């Protein structure tokens, strides 16, 4: 079983606690950690980018010129996407980027990350136990 130190408010070691191997003994699944971090970052996105389509642009109510007889291409509005000042065809619109991962997977990820942090802390304390770095190449 893994052992963790217990500290009081004044950062003094008070006791040691044995950690359950069922929770803290399993291997870290990097794919799950990646998925959970990706989900958290996606949830933070604001998704507020927006553009105006030909429907949203103001103006353009009158036909610019008559349909036939001018020699120019037919046009129904000055707010068409091919005109200057017209709408944007496939621009971004506000949306929600967040998605969810099953609760058991998130809980598992939290436990594995806690275990990883605990083992790294123990490794660092052993690494610098005599005041010098035992493994300077790492």
Protein backbone atom coordinates (compact mmCIF):
# COMPACT_ATOMS: atom_id res chain seq x y z
CA UNK A 1 0.00 0.00 0.00
CA UNK A 2 1.12 3.53 -0.69
CA UNK A 3 1.78 5.85 2.23
CA UNK A 4 1.05 9.58 2.32
CA UNK A 5 2.12 12.18 4.85
CA UNK A 6 -0.47 14.24 6.73
CA UNK A 7 0.37 17.88 7.46
CA UNK A 8 -1.27 20.37 9.79
CA UNK A 9 -2.04 24.02 9.02
CA UNK A 10 1.50 25.06 9.95
CA UNK A 11 2.98 22.62 7.40
CA UNK A 12 4.34 20.22 9.99
CA UNK A 13 4.17 16.48 9.43
CA UNK A 14 1.61 15.05 11.85
CA UNK A 15 1.01 11.48 10.73
CA UNK A 16 1.12 8.99 7.88
CA UNK A 17 -1.87 7.50 6.12
CA UNK A 18 -1.99 4.29 4.12
CA UNK A 19 -3.70 4.75 0.77
CA UNK A 20 -5.99 2.11 -0.71
CA UNK A 21 -4.40 0.31 -3.67
CA UNK A 22 -7.78 -0.05 -5.36
CA UNK A 23 -7.88 3.72 -5.70
CA UNK A 24 -4.24 4.76 -5.79
CA UNK A 25 -2.54 1.61 -7.08
CA UNK A 26 -3.77 1.40 -10.66
CA UNK A 27 -1.85 2.53 -13.72
CA UNK A 28 -2.55 5.92 -15.26
CA UNK A 29 -4.46 5.65 -18.54
CA UNK A 30 -3.08 8.52 -20.62
CA UNK A 31 -5.91 8.33 -23.15
CA UNK A 32 -8.52 8.95 -20.45
CA UNK A 33 -6.51 11.83 -18.99
CA UNK A 34 -6.23 13.33 -22.47
CA UNK A 35 -9.97 13.01 -23.06
CA UNK A 36 -10.88 14.60 -19.72
CA UNK A 37 -8.47 17.52 -20.19
CA UNK A 38 -9.75 18.04 -23.73
CA UNK A 39 -13.34 18.07 -22.42
CA UNK A 40 -12.46 20.63 -19.75
CA UNK A 41 -10.71 22.92 -22.24
CA UNK A 42 -13.60 22.61 -24.72
CA UNK A 43 -16.06 23.59 -21.98
CA UNK A 44 -14.07 26.77 -21.32
CA UNK A 45 -14.44 28.01 -24.91
CA UNK A 46 -16.84 30.89 -25.24
CA UNK A 47 -17.98 30.17 -28.81
CA UNK A 48 -19.10 33.75 -29.50
CA UNK A 49 -17.64 34.26 -32.99
CA UNK A 50 -20.35 35.47 -35.34
CA UNK A 51 -20.89 36.87 -38.84
CA UNK A 52 -23.88 38.33 -40.66
CA UNK A 53 -25.51 36.43 -43.50
CA UNK A 54 -27.36 38.13 -46.37
CA UNK A 55 -30.44 37.98 -44.16
CA UNK A 56 -28.78 39.87 -41.27
CA UNK A 57 -27.07 42.66 -43.27
CA UNK A 58 -29.04 45.89 -43.33
CA UNK A 59 -30.27 47.37 -46.59
CA UNK A 60 -30.72 45.76 -49.97
CA UNK A 61 -34.49 45.98 -50.15
CA UNK A 62 -34.66 47.40 -53.68
CA UNK A 63 -33.58 45.65 -56.86
CA UNK A 64 -30.40 47.49 -58.05
CA UNK A 65 -31.49 47.59 -61.72
CA UNK A 66 -34.14 46.01 -63.88
CA UNK A 67 -33.95 42.34 -64.80
CA UNK A 68 -33.52 42.65 -68.58
CA UNK A 69 -32.23 45.12 -71.09
CA UNK A 70 -29.21 46.67 -69.31
CA UNK A 71 -26.55 44.21 -70.48
CA UNK A 72 -25.44 43.62 -66.90
CA UNK A 73 -25.81 40.44 -64.91
CA UNK A 74 -29.13 40.05 -63.15
CA UNK A 75 -29.13 41.08 -59.49
CA UNK A 76 -31.88 41.04 -56.89
CA UNK A 77 -30.14 42.72 -53.96
CA UNK A 78 -26.99 44.62 -53.11
CA UNK A 79 -26.50 42.45 -50.02
CA UNK A 80 -25.74 39.27 -51.94
CA UNK A 81 -22.51 37.56 -50.78
CA UNK A 82 -20.79 38.34 -54.09
CA UNK A 83 -21.29 42.07 -53.60
CA UNK A 84 -19.14 44.40 -51.51
CA UNK A 85 -21.04 45.00 -48.27
CA UNK A 86 -22.96 41.76 -48.68
CA UNK A 87 -23.38 38.94 -46.23
CA UNK A 88 -20.92 36.17 -45.41
CA UNK A 89 -21.81 32.74 -46.82
CA UNK A 90 -20.51 30.11 -44.37
CA UNK A 91 -19.16 32.24 -41.53
CA UNK A 92 -19.10 31.22 -37.88
CA UNK A 93 -22.15 31.50 -35.63
CA UNK A 94 -22.33 31.22 -31.82
CA UNK A 95 -22.29 27.65 -30.56
CA UNK A 96 -21.53 25.56 -27.52
CA UNK A 97 -18.31 23.52 -27.72
CA UNK A 98 -18.83 21.65 -24.46
CA UNK A 99 -19.45 17.93 -24.30
CA UNK A 100 -19.48 15.43 -21.48
CA UNK A 101 -17.61 12.27 -20.60
CA UNK A 102 -19.20 9.62 -18.34
CA UNK A 103 -18.93 10.36 -14.62
CA UNK A 104 -17.14 7.10 -13.85
CA UNK A 105 -14.44 7.90 -16.41
CA UNK A 106 -13.95 11.42 -14.97
CA UNK A 107 -13.78 10.05 -11.42
CA UNK A 108 -11.29 7.40 -12.53
CA UNK A 109 -9.17 10.09 -14.18
CA UNK A 110 -9.17 12.20 -11.01
CA UNK A 111 -8.07 9.22 -8.92
CA UNK A 112 -5.28 8.31 -11.35
CA UNK A 113 -4.06 11.90 -11.51
CA UNK A 114 -4.03 12.07 -7.70
CA UNK A 115 -2.04 8.85 -7.58
CA UNK A 116 0.41 10.15 -10.17
CA UNK A 117 0.93 13.38 -8.23
CA UNK A 118 1.51 11.39 -5.02
CA UNK A 119 4.09 9.08 -6.61
CA UNK A 120 5.91 11.99 -8.24
CA UNK A 121 6.03 13.83 -4.92
CA UNK A 122 7.52 10.77 -3.23
CA UNK A 123 10.01 10.30 -6.07
CA UNK A 124 11.12 13.94 -5.84
CA UNK A 125 11.58 13.72 -2.07
CA UNK A 126 13.75 10.62 -2.50
CA UNK A 127 15.62 12.17 -5.41
CA UNK A 128 16.77 15.19 -3.36
CA UNK A 129 17.08 13.37 -0.02
CA UNK A 130 20.75 14.22 0.62
CA UNK A 131 20.55 17.77 -0.75
CA UNK A 132 21.94 16.80 -4.16
CA UNK A 133 20.08 15.64 -7.20
CA UNK A 134 20.46 11.86 -7.43
CA UNK A 135 19.56 11.83 -11.12
CA UNK A 136 20.74 15.07 -12.76
CA UNK A 137 20.17 13.74 -16.28
CA UNK A 138 16.37 13.42 -15.77
